[in-house]
N, C-alpha and C. Protein backbone atom coordinates (compact mmCIF):
# COMPACT_ATOMS: atom_id res chain seq x y z
N MET A 1 64.54 -76.72 24.24
CA MET A 1 63.85 -75.57 23.70
C MET A 1 62.39 -76.05 23.39
N GLN A 2 61.38 -75.50 24.08
CA GLN A 2 60.07 -75.88 23.81
C GLN A 2 59.27 -74.71 23.18
N ALA A 3 58.51 -75.05 22.08
CA ALA A 3 57.87 -74.01 21.26
C ALA A 3 56.49 -73.80 21.69
N GLY A 4 55.98 -74.44 22.73
CA GLY A 4 54.58 -74.42 23.12
C GLY A 4 53.78 -75.60 22.56
N LYS A 5 52.49 -75.45 22.67
CA LYS A 5 51.61 -76.56 22.21
C LYS A 5 51.58 -76.66 20.74
N ASN A 6 51.35 -77.85 20.23
CA ASN A 6 51.27 -78.05 18.78
C ASN A 6 49.87 -77.84 18.34
N TYR A 7 49.62 -76.93 17.53
CA TYR A 7 48.23 -76.54 17.03
C TYR A 7 47.87 -77.14 15.73
N LEU A 8 48.72 -77.88 15.09
CA LEU A 8 48.54 -78.51 13.80
C LEU A 8 47.95 -79.92 13.95
N ARG A 9 47.07 -80.30 13.03
CA ARG A 9 46.48 -81.54 12.92
C ARG A 9 46.58 -82.14 11.52
N LEU A 10 46.37 -83.36 11.30
CA LEU A 10 46.42 -84.00 9.96
C LEU A 10 45.44 -83.33 9.07
N ASN A 11 45.73 -83.22 7.81
CA ASN A 11 44.88 -82.59 6.74
C ASN A 11 44.62 -81.13 6.86
N ASP A 12 45.40 -80.39 7.77
CA ASP A 12 45.30 -78.94 7.79
C ASP A 12 45.93 -78.32 6.66
N GLN A 13 45.41 -77.17 6.15
CA GLN A 13 46.06 -76.39 5.10
C GLN A 13 46.99 -75.37 5.82
N VAL A 14 48.22 -75.36 5.43
CA VAL A 14 49.23 -74.52 6.13
C VAL A 14 50.06 -73.76 5.08
N GLU A 15 50.65 -72.69 5.52
CA GLU A 15 51.56 -71.91 4.66
C GLU A 15 52.94 -71.90 5.40
N VAL A 16 53.98 -72.06 4.60
CA VAL A 16 55.29 -71.98 5.15
C VAL A 16 55.74 -70.46 5.27
N ILE A 17 56.16 -70.01 6.46
CA ILE A 17 56.46 -68.64 6.67
C ILE A 17 57.93 -68.30 6.79
N ALA A 18 58.74 -69.31 6.81
CA ALA A 18 60.22 -69.20 6.90
C ALA A 18 60.98 -70.32 6.27
N GLY A 19 62.12 -70.08 5.78
CA GLY A 19 62.94 -71.08 5.13
C GLY A 19 62.96 -71.11 3.65
N LYS A 20 63.45 -72.11 3.08
CA LYS A 20 63.65 -72.20 1.57
C LYS A 20 62.42 -72.32 0.88
N ASP A 21 61.27 -72.80 1.44
CA ASP A 21 60.01 -72.99 0.82
C ASP A 21 59.02 -71.89 1.28
N LYS A 22 59.48 -70.76 1.71
CA LYS A 22 58.60 -69.65 2.18
C LYS A 22 57.59 -69.29 1.17
N GLY A 23 56.30 -69.17 1.63
CA GLY A 23 55.22 -68.84 0.71
C GLY A 23 54.47 -70.06 0.16
N ARG A 24 55.03 -71.22 0.21
CA ARG A 24 54.37 -72.41 -0.28
C ARG A 24 53.15 -72.83 0.57
N VAL A 25 52.17 -73.34 -0.04
CA VAL A 25 50.99 -73.83 0.70
C VAL A 25 50.83 -75.29 0.52
N GLY A 26 50.44 -76.01 1.58
CA GLY A 26 50.29 -77.50 1.40
C GLY A 26 49.43 -78.09 2.53
N LYS A 27 49.17 -79.35 2.42
CA LYS A 27 48.37 -80.06 3.38
C LYS A 27 49.33 -80.83 4.26
N VAL A 28 49.05 -80.86 5.60
CA VAL A 28 49.78 -81.57 6.52
C VAL A 28 49.53 -83.09 6.33
N VAL A 29 50.62 -83.84 6.09
CA VAL A 29 50.52 -85.21 5.85
C VAL A 29 50.86 -86.06 7.07
N GLN A 30 51.70 -85.58 8.00
CA GLN A 30 52.06 -86.27 9.15
C GLN A 30 52.50 -85.33 10.21
N VAL A 31 52.18 -85.62 11.45
CA VAL A 31 52.57 -84.70 12.56
C VAL A 31 53.34 -85.51 13.61
N TYR A 32 54.40 -84.82 14.03
CA TYR A 32 55.30 -85.38 15.08
C TYR A 32 55.20 -84.50 16.34
N PRO A 33 54.27 -84.78 17.22
CA PRO A 33 53.99 -83.88 18.38
C PRO A 33 55.09 -83.89 19.40
N ASP A 34 55.92 -84.95 19.50
CA ASP A 34 56.95 -84.98 20.51
C ASP A 34 58.01 -83.99 20.27
N ASN A 35 58.37 -83.72 18.95
CA ASN A 35 59.43 -82.78 18.71
C ASN A 35 58.93 -81.63 17.92
N TYR A 36 57.62 -81.34 17.88
CA TYR A 36 57.01 -80.15 17.28
C TYR A 36 57.33 -80.01 15.83
N LYS A 37 57.18 -81.02 15.06
CA LYS A 37 57.43 -81.03 13.61
C LYS A 37 56.27 -81.56 12.82
N ALA A 38 56.18 -81.27 11.55
CA ALA A 38 55.07 -81.79 10.68
C ALA A 38 55.62 -81.84 9.27
N LYS A 39 55.12 -82.89 8.55
CA LYS A 39 55.41 -83.05 7.15
C LYS A 39 54.27 -82.36 6.35
N VAL A 40 54.67 -81.56 5.32
CA VAL A 40 53.69 -80.93 4.48
C VAL A 40 53.85 -81.49 3.08
N GLN A 41 52.79 -81.70 2.45
CA GLN A 41 52.74 -82.37 1.08
C GLN A 41 53.49 -81.49 0.01
N ASN A 42 54.52 -82.04 -0.61
CA ASN A 42 55.27 -81.39 -1.66
C ASN A 42 56.05 -80.17 -1.12
N VAL A 43 56.40 -80.08 0.11
CA VAL A 43 57.15 -78.95 0.69
C VAL A 43 58.39 -79.57 1.37
N ASN A 44 59.46 -78.90 1.30
CA ASN A 44 60.74 -79.34 1.97
C ASN A 44 61.18 -80.64 1.37
N MET A 45 61.18 -80.77 0.07
CA MET A 45 61.55 -82.04 -0.56
C MET A 45 63.08 -82.30 -0.48
N VAL A 46 63.43 -83.49 -0.10
CA VAL A 46 64.80 -83.89 0.03
C VAL A 46 65.01 -85.21 -0.77
N LYS A 47 66.24 -85.53 -1.14
CA LYS A 47 66.57 -86.66 -1.86
C LYS A 47 67.10 -87.77 -0.87
N ARG A 48 66.50 -89.01 -0.96
CA ARG A 48 66.87 -90.03 -0.10
C ARG A 48 67.46 -91.11 -0.85
N HIS A 49 68.63 -91.55 -0.58
CA HIS A 49 69.36 -92.72 -1.22
C HIS A 49 68.94 -93.92 -0.54
N THR A 50 68.27 -94.86 -1.27
CA THR A 50 67.67 -96.11 -0.62
C THR A 50 68.28 -97.27 -1.25
N LYS A 51 68.49 -98.31 -0.52
CA LYS A 51 68.91 -99.63 -1.00
C LYS A 51 67.70 -100.37 -1.48
N PRO A 52 67.86 -101.34 -2.43
CA PRO A 52 66.73 -102.15 -2.77
C PRO A 52 66.12 -102.90 -1.61
N ASN A 53 64.81 -102.92 -1.55
CA ASN A 53 64.08 -103.62 -0.51
C ASN A 53 62.81 -104.16 -1.05
N MET A 54 61.87 -104.77 -0.20
CA MET A 54 60.70 -105.39 -0.64
C MET A 54 59.74 -104.30 -1.25
N GLN A 55 59.65 -103.07 -0.71
CA GLN A 55 58.79 -102.09 -1.21
C GLN A 55 59.32 -101.50 -2.50
N ASN A 56 60.68 -101.28 -2.47
CA ASN A 56 61.30 -100.60 -3.62
C ASN A 56 62.37 -101.56 -4.18
N GLN A 57 61.98 -102.40 -5.21
CA GLN A 57 62.89 -103.45 -5.70
C GLN A 57 64.18 -102.79 -6.36
N GLN A 58 64.00 -101.69 -7.02
CA GLN A 58 65.06 -100.96 -7.84
C GLN A 58 66.07 -100.33 -6.90
N GLY A 59 65.55 -99.62 -5.85
CA GLY A 59 66.50 -98.84 -5.01
C GLY A 59 66.68 -97.50 -5.74
N GLY A 60 67.67 -96.74 -5.30
CA GLY A 60 68.10 -95.52 -5.98
C GLY A 60 67.72 -94.29 -5.16
N ILE A 61 67.56 -93.14 -5.87
CA ILE A 61 67.37 -91.85 -5.23
C ILE A 61 65.89 -91.49 -5.31
N ILE A 62 65.32 -91.24 -4.10
CA ILE A 62 63.86 -91.05 -4.00
C ILE A 62 63.62 -89.69 -3.43
N ASP A 63 62.68 -88.86 -4.01
CA ASP A 63 62.38 -87.56 -3.44
C ASP A 63 61.20 -87.81 -2.37
N MET A 64 61.45 -87.20 -1.27
CA MET A 64 60.44 -87.26 -0.20
C MET A 64 60.42 -86.03 0.62
N GLU A 65 59.38 -85.82 1.39
CA GLU A 65 59.19 -84.59 2.21
C GLU A 65 59.90 -84.87 3.50
N ALA A 66 60.60 -83.86 4.01
CA ALA A 66 61.22 -83.82 5.31
C ALA A 66 60.37 -83.02 6.31
N PRO A 67 60.37 -83.30 7.49
CA PRO A 67 59.55 -82.56 8.52
C PRO A 67 60.04 -81.16 8.62
N LEU A 68 59.08 -80.21 8.93
CA LEU A 68 59.35 -78.82 9.20
C LEU A 68 58.93 -78.53 10.62
N HIS A 69 59.61 -77.65 11.28
CA HIS A 69 59.18 -77.22 12.59
C HIS A 69 57.96 -76.43 12.58
N VAL A 70 57.06 -76.59 13.57
CA VAL A 70 55.75 -75.98 13.50
C VAL A 70 55.84 -74.42 13.63
N SER A 71 56.90 -73.88 14.12
CA SER A 71 57.06 -72.49 14.22
C SER A 71 57.20 -71.81 12.82
N ASN A 72 57.59 -72.64 11.84
CA ASN A 72 57.70 -72.15 10.46
C ASN A 72 56.42 -72.32 9.67
N LEU A 73 55.42 -72.78 10.28
CA LEU A 73 54.13 -73.06 9.58
C LEU A 73 53.00 -72.21 10.20
N MET A 74 52.03 -71.67 9.37
CA MET A 74 50.88 -71.05 9.92
C MET A 74 49.63 -71.65 9.27
N LEU A 75 48.70 -71.90 10.05
CA LEU A 75 47.43 -72.47 9.66
C LEU A 75 46.69 -71.47 8.77
N ILE A 76 45.97 -72.01 7.74
CA ILE A 76 45.16 -71.14 6.93
C ILE A 76 43.76 -71.35 7.29
N CYS A 77 43.17 -70.13 7.55
CA CYS A 77 41.67 -70.16 7.90
C CYS A 77 40.84 -70.16 6.65
N SER A 78 39.80 -71.00 6.59
CA SER A 78 38.98 -71.14 5.32
C SER A 78 38.10 -69.89 5.15
N LYS A 79 37.75 -69.16 6.24
CA LYS A 79 36.92 -67.96 6.15
C LYS A 79 37.83 -66.74 5.72
N CYS A 80 38.93 -66.56 6.43
CA CYS A 80 39.86 -65.48 6.12
C CYS A 80 40.59 -65.68 4.85
N ALA A 81 40.82 -66.92 4.43
CA ALA A 81 41.55 -67.30 3.27
C ALA A 81 43.02 -66.85 3.31
N GLY A 82 43.61 -66.89 4.53
CA GLY A 82 44.92 -66.49 4.63
C GLY A 82 45.59 -67.13 5.92
N PRO A 83 46.87 -67.04 6.10
CA PRO A 83 47.51 -67.57 7.28
C PRO A 83 47.12 -66.79 8.54
N VAL A 84 46.83 -67.45 9.61
CA VAL A 84 46.24 -66.82 10.85
C VAL A 84 46.91 -67.47 12.05
N ARG A 85 46.89 -66.73 13.19
CA ARG A 85 47.30 -67.32 14.45
C ARG A 85 46.04 -68.03 15.07
N VAL A 86 46.40 -68.97 15.94
CA VAL A 86 45.32 -69.91 16.41
C VAL A 86 45.22 -69.80 17.98
N ALA A 87 43.97 -69.74 18.48
CA ALA A 87 43.69 -69.70 19.87
C ALA A 87 42.90 -71.04 20.20
N ARG A 88 42.88 -71.39 21.42
CA ARG A 88 42.08 -72.45 21.88
C ARG A 88 40.91 -72.02 22.71
N LYS A 89 39.80 -72.63 22.57
CA LYS A 89 38.57 -72.17 23.33
C LYS A 89 37.89 -73.49 23.75
N ILE A 90 37.38 -73.40 25.00
CA ILE A 90 36.57 -74.56 25.59
C ILE A 90 35.10 -74.18 25.49
N LEU A 91 34.39 -75.13 24.82
CA LEU A 91 32.94 -74.89 24.63
C LEU A 91 32.23 -75.30 25.90
N GLU A 92 30.83 -75.03 25.92
CA GLU A 92 30.00 -75.40 27.08
C GLU A 92 30.04 -76.81 27.37
N ASN A 93 30.09 -77.71 26.32
CA ASN A 93 30.08 -79.18 26.61
C ASN A 93 31.46 -79.66 27.03
N GLY A 94 32.49 -78.84 27.12
CA GLY A 94 33.78 -79.22 27.68
C GLY A 94 34.79 -79.57 26.57
N SER A 95 34.35 -79.52 25.31
CA SER A 95 35.29 -79.89 24.18
C SER A 95 36.18 -78.66 23.87
N LYS A 96 37.41 -78.98 23.43
CA LYS A 96 38.30 -77.85 23.04
C LYS A 96 38.26 -77.74 21.51
N VAL A 97 38.26 -76.45 21.04
CA VAL A 97 38.30 -76.20 19.65
C VAL A 97 39.42 -75.15 19.31
N ARG A 98 39.81 -75.20 18.09
CA ARG A 98 40.76 -74.14 17.62
C ARG A 98 40.00 -72.99 16.99
N VAL A 99 40.40 -71.76 17.35
CA VAL A 99 39.68 -70.57 16.93
C VAL A 99 40.64 -69.69 16.19
N CYS A 100 40.20 -69.09 15.06
CA CYS A 100 41.03 -68.08 14.29
C CYS A 100 41.03 -66.83 15.06
N LYS A 101 42.23 -66.29 15.28
CA LYS A 101 42.44 -65.05 15.98
C LYS A 101 41.90 -63.81 15.21
N ARG A 102 41.87 -63.89 13.92
CA ARG A 102 41.47 -62.79 13.07
C ARG A 102 40.00 -62.61 13.04
N CYS A 103 39.22 -63.70 12.72
CA CYS A 103 37.80 -63.63 12.52
C CYS A 103 36.96 -64.29 13.61
N GLY A 104 37.56 -65.06 14.46
CA GLY A 104 36.83 -65.75 15.60
C GLY A 104 36.13 -66.98 15.23
N GLU A 105 36.30 -67.43 13.95
CA GLU A 105 35.66 -68.66 13.45
C GLU A 105 36.38 -69.87 14.00
N THR A 106 35.68 -71.07 14.23
CA THR A 106 36.29 -72.24 14.66
C THR A 106 36.94 -72.89 13.39
N ILE A 107 38.08 -73.54 13.63
CA ILE A 107 38.81 -74.21 12.56
C ILE A 107 38.70 -75.70 12.73
N GLU A 108 38.15 -76.44 11.70
CA GLU A 108 38.08 -77.87 11.72
C GLU A 108 39.05 -78.39 10.67
N ALA A 109 39.67 -79.47 10.91
CA ALA A 109 40.58 -80.07 9.90
C ALA A 109 39.77 -80.73 8.78
N LYS A 110 40.23 -80.52 7.58
CA LYS A 110 39.50 -81.08 6.41
C LYS A 110 39.81 -82.58 6.34
N ALA A 111 38.80 -83.41 6.04
CA ALA A 111 38.98 -84.84 5.99
C ALA A 111 39.50 -85.25 4.62
């Protein structure tokens, strides 16, 4: 099952539109383009049971983010201040940019 092209990038502001965290807003922390998933900061938290290792001497139960499918996320446009659909546009110099379908403004990822 292919969901189409992945329109999310690192540091994008997104809103969850389906699932247990519906309505939550967060920043994209990691993107998995091969299987159309992304991790969002403080969203879809799961408990991970870990053994003691070099990074975590104590071990135990750790809260961490689990990846969400991109179909459950919508990008937030800074001008519209809400979740929007995304289009792709090729500029005169040949570069591709993401465009908000609602207002037509280009969307850049926040650093």
